[in-house]
Amino acid sequence: MRVKVIGKTRRTGVSKRTGQNYDFVEIHYVAPARGVIGEAALTTTIDPGLFPFDNLAPGIYNFEFDNRGSLVALAPIQQTAGK
């Protein structure tokens, strides 16, 4: 699915409830959504090993989701002049 990434954040720490470490990347993007006329502002989380955080910049990406709706692959889409 073609989406527009508009922001990112990396969250790391220790859970107050469980005491377990956590580390994930939250991606903010704009894409079509069921029941929305136009596009919706959405978020998803990924494991930091899926895509280098420093290389994740605002732009157009191809997102691939599994059958449960989890993001399993993403790749930037090269923009041509005039688009």
PDB file of N, CA and C in Angstrom:
ATOM      1  N   MET A   1       0.843  -1.160   0.000  1.00  0.00           N
ATOM      2  CA  MET A   1       0.000   0.000   0.000  1.00  0.00           C
ATOM      3  C   MET A   1       0.899   1.237   0.000  1.00  0.00           C
ATOM      4  N   ARG A   2       0.561   2.181  -0.862  1.00  0.00           N
ATOM      5  CA  ARG A   2       1.319   3.423  -0.963  1.00  0.00           C
ATOM      6  C   ARG A   2       0.812   4.392   0.107  1.00  0.00           C
ATOM      7  N   VAL A   3       1.733   4.902   0.953  1.00  0.00           N
ATOM      8  CA  VAL A   3       1.371   5.809   2.037  1.00  0.00           C
ATOM      9  C   VAL A   3       2.336   6.981   2.084  1.00  0.00           C
ATOM     10  N   LYS A   4       1.932   8.039   2.781  1.00  0.00           N
ATOM     11  CA  LYS A   4       2.803   9.185   2.997  1.00  0.00           C
ATOM     12  C   LYS A   4       3.188   9.217   4.475  1.00  0.00           C
ATOM     13  N   VAL A   5       4.465   8.968   4.766  1.00  0.00           N
ATOM     14  CA  VAL A   5       4.978   9.032   6.131  1.00  0.00           C
ATOM     15  C   VAL A   5       5.160  10.504   6.491  1.00  0.00           C
ATOM     16  N   ILE A   6       4.619  10.893   7.640  1.00  0.00           N
ATOM     17  CA  ILE A   6       4.689  12.296   8.060  1.00  0.00           C
ATOM     18  C   ILE A   6       5.459  12.492   9.368  1.00  0.00           C
ATOM     19  N   GLY A   7       5.787  11.408  10.063  1.00  0.00           N
ATOM     20  CA  GLY A   7       6.532  11.551  11.311  1.00  0.00           C
ATOM     21  C   GLY A   7       6.939  10.212  11.888  1.00  0.00           C
ATOM     22  N   LYS A   8       7.808  10.257  12.903  1.00  0.00           N
ATOM     23  CA  LYS A   8       8.303   9.040  13.552  1.00  0.00           C
ATOM     24  C   LYS A   8       8.740   9.368  14.972  1.00  0.00           C
ATOM     25  N   THR A   9       8.770   8.355  15.808  1.00  0.00           N
ATOM     26  CA  THR A   9       9.350   8.472  17.138  1.00  0.00           C
ATOM     27  C   THR A   9       9.852   7.099  17.560  1.00  0.00           C
ATOM     28  N   ARG A  10      10.919   7.078  18.335  1.00  0.00           N
ATOM     29  CA  ARG A  10      11.433   5.812  18.866  1.00  0.00           C
ATOM     30  C   ARG A  10      11.208   5.823  20.364  1.00  0.00           C
ATOM     31  N   ARG A  11      10.615   4.776  20.852  1.00  0.00           N
ATOM     32  CA  ARG A  11      10.296   4.689  22.274  1.00  0.00           C
ATOM     33  C   ARG A  11      11.077   3.526  22.881  1.00  0.00           C
ATOM     34  N   THR A  12      11.838   3.850  23.911  1.00  0.00           N
ATOM     35  CA  THR A  12      12.606   2.842  24.630  1.00  0.00           C
ATOM     36  C   THR A  12      12.447   3.084  26.124  1.00  0.00           C
ATOM     37  N   GLY A  13      12.603   2.041  26.887  1.00  0.00           N
ATOM     38  CA  GLY A  13      12.520   2.188  28.331  1.00  0.00           C
ATOM     39  C   GLY A  13      12.222   0.866  29.003  1.00  0.00           C
ATOM     40  N   VAL A  14      11.736   0.998  30.249  1.00  0.00           N
ATOM     41  CA  VAL A  14      11.376  -0.164  31.051  1.00  0.00           C
ATOM     42  C   VAL A  14       9.931   0.024  31.500  1.00  0.00           C
ATOM     43  N   SER A  15       9.118  -0.985  31.283  1.00  0.00           N
ATOM     44  CA  SER A  15       7.709  -0.930  31.667  1.00  0.00           C
ATOM     45  C   SER A  15       7.584  -0.837  33.181  1.00  0.00           C
ATOM     46  N   LYS A  16       6.786   0.125  33.652  1.00  0.00           N
ATOM     47  CA  LYS A  16       6.548   0.247  35.091  1.00  0.00           C
ATOM     48  C   LYS A  16       5.741  -0.929  35.611  1.00  0.00           C
ATOM     49  N   ARG A  17       4.861  -1.451  34.763  1.00  0.00           N
ATOM     50  CA  ARG A  17       3.976  -2.538  35.186  1.00  0.00           C
ATOM     51  C   ARG A  17       4.686  -3.877  35.257  1.00  0.00           C
ATOM     52  N   THR A  18       5.465  -4.209  34.204  1.00  0.00           N
ATOM     53  CA  THR A  18       6.076  -5.544  34.128  1.00  0.00           C
ATOM     54  C   THR A  18       7.569  -5.561  34.437  1.00  0.00           C
ATOM     55  N   GLY A  19       8.216  -4.406  34.345  1.00  0.00           N
ATOM     56  CA  GLY A  19       9.660  -4.362  34.536  1.00  0.00           C
ATOM     57  C   GLY A  19      10.447  -4.798  33.319  1.00  0.00           C
ATOM     58  N   GLN A  20       9.755  -5.093  32.208  1.00  0.00           N
ATOM     59  CA  GLN A  20      10.408  -5.543  30.987  1.00  0.00           C
ATOM     60  C   GLN A  20      10.864  -4.349  30.140  1.00  0.00           C
ATOM     61  N   ASN A  21      11.989  -4.524  29.443  1.00  0.00           N
ATOM     62  CA  ASN A  21      12.473  -3.499  28.520  1.00  0.00           C
ATOM     63  C   ASN A  21      11.575  -3.452  27.290  1.00  0.00           C
ATOM     64  N   TYR A  22      11.428  -2.264  26.713  1.00  0.00           N
ATOM     65  CA  TYR A  22      10.717  -2.141  25.449  1.00  0.00           C
ATOM     66  C   TYR A  22      11.505  -1.221  24.521  1.00  0.00           C
ATOM     67  N   ASP A  23      11.339  -1.434  23.225  1.00  0.00           N
ATOM     68  CA  ASP A  23      12.027  -0.660  22.204  1.00  0.00           C
ATOM     69  C   ASP A  23      11.235  -0.833  20.910  1.00  0.00           C
ATOM     70  N   PHE A  24      10.615   0.231  20.443  1.00  0.00           N
ATOM     71  CA  PHE A  24       9.853   0.156  19.202  1.00  0.00           C
ATOM     72  C   PHE A  24       9.844   1.518  18.520  1.00  0.00           C
ATOM     73  N   VAL A  25       9.517   1.501  17.234  1.00  0.00           N
ATOM     74  CA  VAL A  25       9.398   2.718  16.436  1.00  0.00           C
ATOM     75  C   VAL A  25       7.918   2.923  16.120  1.00  0.00           C
ATOM     76  N   GLU A  26       7.430   4.132  16.348  1.00  0.00           N
ATOM     77  CA  GLU A  26       6.069   4.492  15.999  1.00  0.00           C
ATOM     78  C   GLU A  26       6.122   5.365  14.748  1.00  0.00           C
ATOM     79  N   ILE A  27       5.374   4.957  13.715  1.00  0.00           N
ATOM     80  CA  ILE A  27       5.356   5.681  12.451  1.00  0.00           C
ATOM     81  C   ILE A  27       3.991   6.336  12.279  1.00  0.00           C
ATOM     82  N   HIS A  28       4.002   7.616  11.962  1.00  0.00           N
ATOM     83  CA  HIS A  28       2.777   8.359  11.676  1.00  0.00           C
ATOM     84  C   HIS A  28       2.698   8.531  10.167  1.00  0.00           C
ATOM     85  N   TYR A  29       1.522   8.197   9.594  1.00  0.00           N
ATOM     86  CA  TYR A  29       1.383   8.251   8.142  1.00  0.00           C
ATOM     87  C   TYR A  29      -0.038   8.607   7.742  1.00  0.00           C
ATOM     88  N   VAL A  30      -0.194   8.978   6.484  1.00  0.00           N
ATOM     89  CA  VAL A  30      -1.496   9.315   5.906  1.00  0.00           C
ATOM     90  C   VAL A  30      -1.779   8.289   4.813  1.00  0.00           C
ATOM     91  N   ALA A  31      -2.985   7.689   4.879  1.00  0.00           N
ATOM     92  CA  ALA A  31      -3.339   6.642   3.916  1.00  0.00           C
ATOM     93  C   ALA A  31      -4.855   6.483   3.862  1.00  0.00           C
ATOM     94  N   PRO A  32      -5.346   5.789   2.841  1.00  0.00           N
ATOM     95  CA  PRO A  32      -6.781   5.502   2.794  1.00  0.00           C
ATOM     96  C   PRO A  32      -7.189   4.637   3.986  1.00  0.00           C
ATOM     97  N   ALA A  33      -8.412   4.837   4.461  1.00  0.00           N
ATOM     98  CA  ALA A  33      -8.940   4.026   5.559  1.00  0.00           C
ATOM     99  C   ALA A  33     -10.430   3.791   5.333  1.00  0.00           C
ATOM    100  N   ARG A  34     -10.894   2.651   5.742  1.00  0.00           N
ATOM    101  CA  ARG A  34     -12.306   2.297   5.576  1.00  0.00           C
ATOM    102  C   ARG A  34     -13.196   3.323   6.259  1.00  0.00           C
ATOM    103  N   GLY A  35     -14.202   3.790   5.522  1.00  0.00           N
ATOM    104  CA  GLY A  35     -15.159   4.740   6.072  1.00  0.00           C
ATOM    105  C   GLY A  35     -14.711   6.192   6.044  1.00  0.00           C
ATOM    106  N   VAL A  36     -13.511   6.442   5.539  1.00  0.00           N
ATOM    107  CA  VAL A  36     -12.980   7.802   5.483  1.00  0.00           C
ATOM    108  C   VAL A  36     -13.018   8.295   4.044  1.00  0.00           C
ATOM    109  N   ILE A  37     -13.600   9.457   3.843  1.00  0.00           N
ATOM    110  CA  ILE A  37     -13.567  10.085   2.523  1.00  0.00           C
ATOM    111  C   ILE A  37     -12.258  10.850   2.452  1.00  0.00           C
ATOM    112  N   GLY A  38     -11.414  10.496   1.521  1.00  0.00           N
ATOM    113  CA  GLY A  38     -10.067  11.067   1.456  1.00  0.00           C
ATOM    114  C   GLY A  38      -9.088  10.128   2.140  1.00  0.00           C
ATOM    115  N   GLU A  39      -8.250  10.667   3.013  1.00  0.00           N
ATOM    116  CA  GLU A  39      -7.248   9.864   3.712  1.00  0.00           C
ATOM    117  C   GLU A  39      -7.314  10.121   5.204  1.00  0.00           C
ATOM    118  N   ALA A  40      -6.787   9.177   5.970  1.00  0.00           N
ATOM    119  CA  ALA A  40      -6.791   9.274   7.426  1.00  0.00           C
ATOM    120  C   ALA A  40      -5.361   9.401   7.945  1.00  0.00           C
ATOM    121  N   ALA A  41      -5.197  10.078   9.071  1.00  0.00           N
ATOM    122  CA  ALA A  41      -3.922  10.128   9.783  1.00  0.00           C
ATOM    123  C   ALA A  41      -3.864   8.887  10.674  1.00  0.00           C
ATOM    124  N   LEU A  42      -2.861   8.035  10.448  1.00  0.00           N
ATOM    125  CA  LEU A  42      -2.770   6.747  11.127  1.00  0.00           C
ATOM    126  C   LEU A  42      -1.408   6.583  11.784  1.00  0.00           C
ATOM    127  N   THR A  43      -1.307   5.619  12.704  1.00  0.00           N
ATOM    128  CA  THR A  43      -0.019   5.268  13.292  1.00  0.00           C
ATOM    129  C   THR A  43       0.121   3.761  13.302  1.00  0.00           C
ATOM    130  N   THR A  44       1.350   3.297  13.260  1.00  0.00           N
ATOM    131  CA  THR A  44       1.654   1.886  13.405  1.00  0.00           C
ATOM    132  C   THR A  44       2.996   1.775  14.116  1.00  0.00           C
ATOM    133  N   THR A  45       3.257   0.644  14.709  1.00  0.00           N
ATOM    134  CA  THR A  45       4.537   0.425  15.373  1.00  0.00           C
ATOM    135  C   THR A  45       5.285  -0.699  14.682  1.00  0.00           C
ATOM    136  N   ILE A  46       6.608  -0.600  14.708  1.00  0.00           N
ATOM    137  CA  ILE A  46       7.458  -1.636  14.131  1.00  0.00           C
ATOM    138  C   ILE A  46       8.629  -1.907  15.058  1.00  0.00           C
ATOM    139  N   ASP A  47       9.214  -3.066  14.884  1.00  0.00           N
ATOM    140  CA  ASP A  47      10.455  -3.406  15.557  1.00  0.00           C
ATOM    141  C   ASP A  47      11.554  -2.545  14.943  1.00  0.00           C
ATOM    142  N   PRO A  48      12.467  -1.994  15.750  1.00  0.00           N
ATOM    143  CA  PRO A  48      13.523  -1.139  15.187  1.00  0.00           C
ATOM    144  C   PRO A  48      14.420  -1.840  14.174  1.00  0.00           C
ATOM    145  N   GLY A  49      14.453  -3.158  14.165  1.00  0.00           N
ATOM    146  CA  GLY A  49      15.272  -3.886  13.202  1.00  0.00           C
ATOM    147  C   GLY A  49      14.661  -3.977  11.816  1.00  0.00           C
ATOM    148  N   LEU A  50      13.390  -3.614  11.676  1.00  0.00           N
ATOM    149  CA  LEU A  50      12.719  -3.719  10.381  1.00  0.00           C
ATOM    150  C   LEU A  50      13.209  -2.674   9.382  1.00  0.00           C
ATOM    151  N   PHE A  51      13.525  -1.475   9.866  1.00  0.00           N
ATOM    152  CA  PHE A  51      13.979  -0.388   8.993  1.00  0.00           C
ATOM    153  C   PHE A  51      14.819   0.555   9.843  1.00  0.00           C
ATOM    154  N   PRO A  52      15.988   1.015   9.347  1.00  0.00           N
ATOM    155  CA  PRO A  52      16.844   1.897  10.134  1.00  0.00           C
ATOM    156  C   PRO A  52      16.120   3.209  10.495  1.00  0.00           C
ATOM    157  N   PHE A  53      16.015   3.494  11.782  1.00  0.00           N
ATOM    158  CA  PHE A  53      15.300   4.681  12.259  1.00  0.00           C
ATOM    159  C   PHE A  53      15.839   5.958  11.628  1.00  0.00           C
ATOM    160  N   ASP A  54      17.155   6.099  11.551  1.00  0.00           N
ATOM    161  CA  ASP A  54      17.750   7.318  10.996  1.00  0.00           C
ATOM    162  C   ASP A  54      17.434   7.507   9.515  1.00  0.00           C
ATOM    163  N   ASN A  55      17.160   6.430   8.800  1.00  0.00           N
ATOM    164  CA  ASN A  55      16.846   6.512   7.369  1.00  0.00           C
ATOM    165  C   ASN A  55      15.358   6.731   7.096  1.00  0.00           C
ATOM    166  N   LEU A  56      14.543   6.662   8.127  1.00  0.00           N
ATOM    167  CA  LEU A  56      13.097   6.836   7.972  1.00  0.00           C
ATOM    168  C   LEU A  56      12.781   8.332   7.971  1.00  0.00           C
ATOM    169  N   ALA A  57      12.548   8.872   6.780  1.00  0.00           N
ATOM    170  CA  ALA A  57      12.292  10.296   6.619  1.00  0.00           C
ATOM    171  C   ALA A  57      10.892  10.500   6.059  1.00  0.00           C
ATOM    172  N   PRO A  58      10.305  11.665   6.281  1.00  0.00           N
ATOM    173  CA  PRO A  58       9.005  11.935   5.668  1.00  0.00           C
ATOM    174  C   PRO A  58       9.078  11.733   4.154  1.00  0.00           C
ATOM    175  N   GLY A  59       8.027  11.140   3.599  1.00  0.00           N
ATOM    176  CA  GLY A  59       7.988  10.883   2.166  1.00  0.00           C
ATOM    177  C   GLY A  59       7.011   9.785   1.838  1.00  0.00           C
ATOM    178  N   ILE A  60       7.047   9.338   0.597  1.00  0.00           N
ATOM    179  CA  ILE A  60       6.144   8.310   0.108  1.00  0.00           C
ATOM    180  C   ILE A  60       6.827   6.944   0.234  1.00  0.00           C
ATOM    181  N   TYR A  61       6.095   5.985   0.819  1.00  0.00           N
ATOM    182  CA  TYR A  61       6.622   4.641   1.056  1.00  0.00           C
ATOM    183  C   TYR A  61       5.622   3.602   0.575  1.00  0.00           C
ATOM    184  N   ASN A  62       6.131   2.405   0.317  1.00  0.00           N
ATOM    185  CA  ASN A  62       5.281   1.253   0.096  1.00  0.00           C
ATOM    186  C   ASN A  62       5.282   0.445   1.393  1.00  0.00           C
ATOM    187  N   PHE A  63       4.099   0.293   2.007  1.00  0.00           N
ATOM    188  CA  PHE A  63       3.947  -0.495   3.223  1.00  0.00           C
ATOM    189  C   PHE A  63       3.338  -1.837   2.852  1.00  0.00           C
ATOM    190  N   GLU A  64       3.838  -2.906   3.460  1.00  0.00           N
ATOM    191  CA  GLU A  64       3.274  -4.237   3.270  1.00  0.00           C
ATOM    192  C   GLU A  64       2.851  -4.768   4.644  1.00  0.00           C
ATOM    193  N   PHE A  65       1.573  -5.124   4.762  1.00  0.00           N
ATOM    194  CA  PHE A  65       1.010  -5.610   6.011  1.00  0.00           C
ATOM    195  C   PHE A  65       0.743  -7.104   5.926  1.00  0.00           C
ATOM    196  N   ASP A  66       0.821  -7.806   7.074  1.00  0.00           N
ATOM    197  CA  ASP A  66       0.475  -9.229   7.087  1.00  0.00           C
ATOM    198  C   ASP A  66      -1.035  -9.384   7.292  1.00  0.00           C
ATOM    199  N   ASN A  67      -1.492 -10.617   7.414  1.00  0.00           N
ATOM    200  CA  ASN A  67      -2.928 -10.883   7.521  1.00  0.00           C
ATOM    201  C   ASN A  67      -3.542 -10.385   8.835  1.00  0.00           C
ATOM    202  N   ARG A  68      -2.726  -9.981   9.789  1.00  0.00           N
ATOM    203  CA  ARG A  68      -3.227  -9.437  11.057  1.00  0.00           C
ATOM    204  C   ARG A  68      -3.109  -7.917  11.122  1.00  0.00           C
ATOM    205  N   GLY A  69      -2.651  -7.318  10.037  1.00  0.00           N
ATOM    206  CA  GLY A  69      -2.532  -5.868   9.989  1.00  0.00           C
ATOM    207  C   GLY A  69      -1.223  -5.303  10.513  1.00  0.00           C
ATOM    208  N   SER A  70      -0.258  -6.167  10.800  1.00  0.00           N
ATOM    209  CA  SER A  70       1.047  -5.702  11.269  1.00  0.00           C
ATOM    210  C   SER A  70       1.934  -5.359  10.079  1.00  0.00           C
ATOM    211  N   LEU A  71       2.653  -4.263  10.186  1.00  0.00           N
ATOM    212  CA  LEU A  71       3.573  -3.851   9.130  1.00  0.00           C
ATOM    213  C   LEU A  71       4.764  -4.798   9.113  1.00  0.00           C
ATOM    214  N   VAL A  72       5.009  -5.449   7.978  1.00  0.00           N
ATOM    215  CA  VAL A  72       6.093  -6.424   7.880  1.00  0.00           C
ATOM    216  C   VAL A  72       7.203  -5.987   6.933  1.00  0.00           C
ATOM    217  N   ALA A  73       6.935  -4.988   6.087  1.00  0.00           N
ATOM    218  CA  ALA A  73       7.962  -4.482   5.175  1.00  0.00           C
ATOM    219  C   ALA A  73       7.599  -3.068   4.755  1.00  0.00           C
ATOM    220  N   LEU A  74       8.623  -2.254   4.569  1.00  0.00           N
ATOM    221  CA  LEU A  74       8.416  -0.915   4.040  1.00  0.00           C
ATOM    222  C   LEU A  74       9.622  -0.515   3.218  1.00  0.00           C
ATOM    223  N   ALA A  75       9.347   0.265   2.170  1.00  0.00           N
ATOM    224  CA  ALA A  75      10.410   0.721   1.273  1.00  0.00           C
ATOM    225  C   ALA A  75      10.037   2.090   0.733  1.00  0.00           C
ATOM    226  N   PRO A  76      11.008   2.999   0.696  1.00  0.00           N
ATOM    227  CA  PRO A  76      10.708   4.317   0.106  1.00  0.00           C
ATOM    228  C   PRO A  76      10.435   4.168  -1.389  1.00  0.00           C
ATOM    229  N   ILE A  77       9.544   5.009  -1.883  1.00  0.00           N
ATOM    230  CA  ILE A  77       9.236   5.045  -3.303  1.00  0.00           C
ATOM    231  C   ILE A  77       9.909   6.285  -3.886  1.00  0.00           C
ATOM    232  N   GLN A  78      10.737   6.083  -4.900  1.00  0.00           N
ATOM    233  CA  GLN A  78      11.419   7.198  -5.542  1.00  0.00           C
ATOM    234  C   GLN A  78      10.403   8.065  -6.258  1.00  0.00           C
ATOM    235  N   GLN A  79      10.475   9.348  -6.036  1.00  0.00           N
ATOM    236  CA  GLN A  79       9.589  10.291  -6.707  1.00  0.00           C
ATOM    237  C   GLN A  79      10.254  10.800  -7.974  1.00  0.00           C
ATOM    238  N   THR A  80       9.493  10.891  -9.056  1.00  0.00           N
ATOM    239  CA  THR A  80      10.017  11.448 -10.294  1.00  0.00           C
ATOM    240  C   THR A  80       9.688  12.932 -10.333  1.00  0.00           C
ATOM    241  N   ALA A  81      10.418  13.668 -11.098  1.00  0.00           N
ATOM    242  CA  ALA A  81      10.192  15.109 -11.198  1.00  0.00           C
ATOM    243  C   ALA A  81       8.766  15.399 -11.638  1.00  0.00           C
ATOM    244  N   GLY A  82       8.144  16.373 -11.005  1.00  0.00           N
ATOM    245  CA  GLY A  82       6.804  16.758 -11.362  1.00  0.00           C
ATOM    246  C   GLY A  82       5.693  16.010 -10.666  1.00  0.00           C
ATOM    247  N   LYS A  83       6.032  15.046  -9.784  1.00  0.00           N
ATOM    248  CA  LYS A  83       5.000  14.293  -9.047  1.00  0.00           C
ATOM    249  C   LYS A  83       5.025  14.624  -7.603  1.00  0.00           C
TER     250      LYS A  83
END
